[in-house]
């Protein structure tokens, strides 16, 4: 799942080297924290949050396939 989020984010941003995904596991499931350059936050979030919502949907589908629960946070 981490690779999926990294791939999508690196495809969208202008500075792909600044993309960092941290994975944190707790009792509720897995939390993926996505960090990008300040200039690229708008690209990752998208108009009215549509890009971020699409990324969350794809992550949710991948998590269901693996039988886990996952959330995406954009830092």
N, C-alpha and C. Protein backbone atom coordinates (compact mmCIF):
# COMPACT_ATOMS: atom_id res chain seq x y z
N UNK A 1 0.82 -1.19 0.00
CA UNK A 1 0.00 0.00 0.00
C UNK A 1 0.86 1.25 0.00
N UNK A 2 1.99 1.18 0.69
CA UNK A 2 2.89 2.32 0.72
C UNK A 2 3.39 2.63 -0.68
N UNK A 3 3.73 1.59 -1.44
CA UNK A 3 4.23 1.79 -2.79
C UNK A 3 3.16 2.41 -3.69
N UNK A 4 1.90 2.04 -3.48
CA UNK A 4 0.81 2.60 -4.27
C UNK A 4 0.70 4.09 -4.04
N UNK A 5 0.71 4.51 -2.78
CA UNK A 5 0.59 5.93 -2.46
C UNK A 5 1.79 6.70 -2.98
N UNK A 6 2.99 6.14 -2.83
CA UNK A 6 4.19 6.80 -3.34
C UNK A 6 4.13 6.96 -4.85
N UNK A 7 3.71 5.92 -5.55
CA UNK A 7 3.64 5.97 -7.01
C UNK A 7 2.66 7.05 -7.48
N UNK A 8 1.50 7.09 -6.88
CA UNK A 8 0.50 8.09 -7.29
C UNK A 8 1.00 9.49 -7.00
N UNK A 9 1.54 9.70 -5.80
CA UNK A 9 2.02 11.03 -5.41
C UNK A 9 3.17 11.48 -6.30
N UNK A 10 4.12 10.59 -6.56
CA UNK A 10 5.26 10.97 -7.41
C UNK A 10 4.83 11.29 -8.83
N UNK A 11 3.75 10.68 -9.29
CA UNK A 11 3.24 10.96 -10.63
C UNK A 11 2.59 12.33 -10.73
N UNK A 12 2.08 12.82 -9.62
CA UNK A 12 1.32 14.07 -9.62
C UNK A 12 2.21 15.29 -9.39
N UNK A 13 3.16 15.20 -8.47
CA UNK A 13 3.92 16.37 -8.02
C UNK A 13 5.01 16.77 -9.00
N UNK A 14 5.53 17.99 -8.82
CA UNK A 14 6.61 18.48 -9.67
C UNK A 14 7.98 18.13 -9.09
N UNK A 15 8.04 17.86 -7.77
CA UNK A 15 9.29 17.47 -7.13
C UNK A 15 9.12 16.08 -6.50
N UNK A 16 9.25 15.03 -7.31
CA UNK A 16 8.99 13.67 -6.81
C UNK A 16 9.97 13.20 -5.73
N UNK A 17 11.16 13.82 -5.65
CA UNK A 17 12.12 13.40 -4.64
C UNK A 17 11.70 13.81 -3.23
N UNK A 18 10.77 14.75 -3.13
CA UNK A 18 10.34 15.22 -1.81
C UNK A 18 9.17 14.42 -1.25
N UNK A 19 8.70 13.41 -1.96
CA UNK A 19 7.57 12.60 -1.50
C UNK A 19 8.06 11.61 -0.45
N UNK A 20 7.41 11.64 0.72
CA UNK A 20 7.75 10.73 1.81
C UNK A 20 6.45 10.15 2.35
N UNK A 21 6.41 8.82 2.49
CA UNK A 21 5.24 8.15 3.06
C UNK A 21 5.69 7.41 4.31
N UNK A 22 5.12 7.77 5.45
CA UNK A 22 5.39 7.10 6.72
C UNK A 22 4.22 6.20 7.05
N UNK A 23 4.51 4.99 7.49
CA UNK A 23 3.48 4.01 7.82
C UNK A 23 3.46 3.82 9.33
N UNK A 24 2.27 3.92 9.89
CA UNK A 24 2.10 3.72 11.33
C UNK A 24 0.98 2.71 11.53
N UNK A 25 1.26 1.68 12.29
CA UNK A 25 0.26 0.65 12.54
C UNK A 25 -0.20 0.72 13.99
N UNK A 26 -1.52 0.70 14.19
CA UNK A 26 -2.07 0.69 15.55
C UNK A 26 -3.23 -0.30 15.59
N UNK A 27 -3.99 -0.28 16.66
CA UNK A 27 -5.07 -1.25 16.83
C UNK A 27 -6.21 -1.03 15.83
N UNK A 28 -6.38 0.21 15.33
CA UNK A 28 -7.44 0.51 14.37
C UNK A 28 -7.08 0.13 12.95
N UNK A 29 -5.81 -0.05 12.66
CA UNK A 29 -5.38 -0.38 11.32
C UNK A 29 -4.08 0.32 10.99
N UNK A 30 -3.91 0.66 9.73
CA UNK A 30 -2.69 1.29 9.26
C UNK A 30 -2.98 2.73 8.85
N UNK A 31 -2.10 3.64 9.26
CA UNK A 31 -2.21 5.04 8.87
C UNK A 31 -1.00 5.37 8.01
N UNK A 32 -1.24 5.86 6.82
CA UNK A 32 -0.17 6.29 5.92
C UNK A 32 -0.16 7.81 5.91
N UNK A 33 0.97 8.39 6.27
CA UNK A 33 1.10 9.85 6.29
C UNK A 33 1.94 10.27 5.08
N UNK A 34 1.34 11.06 4.22
CA UNK A 34 1.99 11.50 2.99
C UNK A 34 2.51 12.92 3.17
N UNK A 35 3.81 13.10 2.93
CA UNK A 35 4.43 14.41 3.00
C UNK A 35 4.97 14.77 1.63
N UNK A 36 4.67 15.97 1.18
CA UNK A 36 5.18 16.47 -0.09
C UNK A 36 5.71 17.88 0.13
N UNK A 37 6.36 18.43 -0.87
CA UNK A 37 6.87 19.79 -0.79
C UNK A 37 5.69 20.76 -0.65
N UNK A 38 5.88 21.87 0.04
CA UNK A 38 4.79 22.85 0.21
C UNK A 38 4.18 23.33 -1.10
N UNK A 39 4.99 23.41 -2.15
CA UNK A 39 4.48 23.86 -3.45
C UNK A 39 3.56 22.83 -4.09
N UNK A 40 3.71 21.57 -3.70
CA UNK A 40 2.95 20.49 -4.33
C UNK A 40 1.71 20.07 -3.55
N UNK A 41 1.47 20.66 -2.40
CA UNK A 41 0.30 20.26 -1.60
C UNK A 41 -1.00 20.46 -2.37
N UNK A 42 -1.10 21.54 -3.09
CA UNK A 42 -2.31 21.81 -3.87
C UNK A 42 -2.54 20.77 -4.94
N UNK A 43 -1.47 20.30 -5.55
CA UNK A 43 -1.61 19.26 -6.58
C UNK A 43 -2.09 17.94 -5.98
N UNK A 44 -1.60 17.60 -4.80
CA UNK A 44 -1.97 16.34 -4.16
C UNK A 44 -3.41 16.41 -3.63
N UNK A 45 -3.81 17.56 -3.13
CA UNK A 45 -5.17 17.70 -2.61
C UNK A 45 -6.17 17.85 -3.75
N UNK A 46 -5.84 18.65 -4.74
CA UNK A 46 -6.72 18.83 -5.89
C UNK A 46 -7.85 19.80 -5.62
N UNK A 47 -8.57 20.13 -6.66
CA UNK A 47 -9.70 21.05 -6.51
C UNK A 47 -10.79 20.38 -5.68
N UNK A 48 -11.19 21.06 -4.64
CA UNK A 48 -12.22 20.58 -3.72
C UNK A 48 -11.87 19.22 -3.14
N UNK A 49 -10.57 18.89 -3.09
CA UNK A 49 -10.12 17.65 -2.47
C UNK A 49 -10.38 16.40 -3.28
N UNK A 50 -10.63 16.56 -4.56
CA UNK A 50 -10.99 15.39 -5.37
C UNK A 50 -9.83 14.43 -5.60
N UNK A 51 -8.62 14.94 -5.77
CA UNK A 51 -7.47 14.07 -5.97
C UNK A 51 -7.18 13.30 -4.69
N UNK A 52 -7.21 13.98 -3.56
CA UNK A 52 -6.99 13.31 -2.27
C UNK A 52 -8.05 12.25 -2.02
N UNK A 53 -9.28 12.56 -2.34
CA UNK A 53 -10.36 11.58 -2.15
C UNK A 53 -10.18 10.37 -3.05
N UNK A 54 -9.72 10.59 -4.27
CA UNK A 54 -9.47 9.47 -5.18
C UNK A 54 -8.33 8.59 -4.67
N UNK A 55 -7.29 9.22 -4.13
CA UNK A 55 -6.19 8.45 -3.56
C UNK A 55 -6.66 7.63 -2.36
N UNK A 56 -7.50 8.21 -1.54
CA UNK A 56 -8.04 7.49 -0.38
C UNK A 56 -8.90 6.30 -0.82
N UNK A 57 -9.66 6.50 -1.89
CA UNK A 57 -10.50 5.41 -2.39
C UNK A 57 -9.65 4.26 -2.90
N UNK A 58 -8.62 4.56 -3.67
CA UNK A 58 -7.73 3.50 -4.17
C UNK A 58 -7.01 2.79 -3.03
N UNK A 59 -6.61 3.54 -2.01
CA UNK A 59 -5.96 2.94 -0.85
C UNK A 59 -6.92 2.02 -0.11
N UNK A 60 -8.16 2.45 0.02
CA UNK A 60 -9.16 1.63 0.70
C UNK A 60 -9.38 0.31 -0.04
N UNK A 61 -9.42 0.36 -1.37
CA UNK A 61 -9.60 -0.85 -2.18
C UNK A 61 -8.41 -1.79 -2.00
N UNK A 62 -7.20 -1.24 -2.02
CA UNK A 62 -6.00 -2.07 -1.84
C UNK A 62 -5.98 -2.67 -0.43
N UNK A 63 -6.43 -1.92 0.55
CA UNK A 63 -6.44 -2.43 1.93
C UNK A 63 -7.45 -3.56 2.09
N UNK A 64 -8.60 -3.43 1.46
CA UNK A 64 -9.62 -4.48 1.54
C UNK A 64 -9.09 -5.76 0.91
N UNK A 65 -8.37 -5.63 -0.17
CA UNK A 65 -7.79 -6.82 -0.82
C UNK A 65 -6.82 -7.54 0.10
N UNK A 66 -6.10 -6.77 0.93
CA UNK A 66 -5.14 -7.37 1.86
C UNK A 66 -5.79 -7.75 3.19
N UNK A 67 -7.03 -7.35 3.37
CA UNK A 67 -7.73 -7.70 4.60
C UNK A 67 -7.39 -6.83 5.79
N UNK A 68 -6.95 -5.61 5.53
CA UNK A 68 -6.61 -4.67 6.60
C UNK A 68 -7.41 -3.38 6.42
N UNK A 69 -7.27 -2.50 7.38
CA UNK A 69 -7.93 -1.19 7.31
C UNK A 69 -6.84 -0.13 7.21
N UNK A 70 -7.00 0.81 6.29
CA UNK A 70 -5.96 1.83 6.07
C UNK A 70 -6.59 3.20 5.90
N UNK A 71 -5.84 4.22 6.35
CA UNK A 71 -6.23 5.61 6.20
C UNK A 71 -5.08 6.39 5.62
N UNK A 72 -5.40 7.44 4.87
CA UNK A 72 -4.37 8.30 4.29
C UNK A 72 -4.50 9.69 4.89
N UNK A 73 -3.40 10.20 5.42
CA UNK A 73 -3.35 11.56 5.93
C UNK A 73 -2.32 12.32 5.12
N UNK A 74 -2.69 13.51 4.69
CA UNK A 74 -1.76 14.37 3.95
C UNK A 74 -1.25 15.42 4.93
N UNK A 75 0.06 15.38 5.19
CA UNK A 75 0.66 16.26 6.19
C UNK A 75 1.16 17.52 5.52
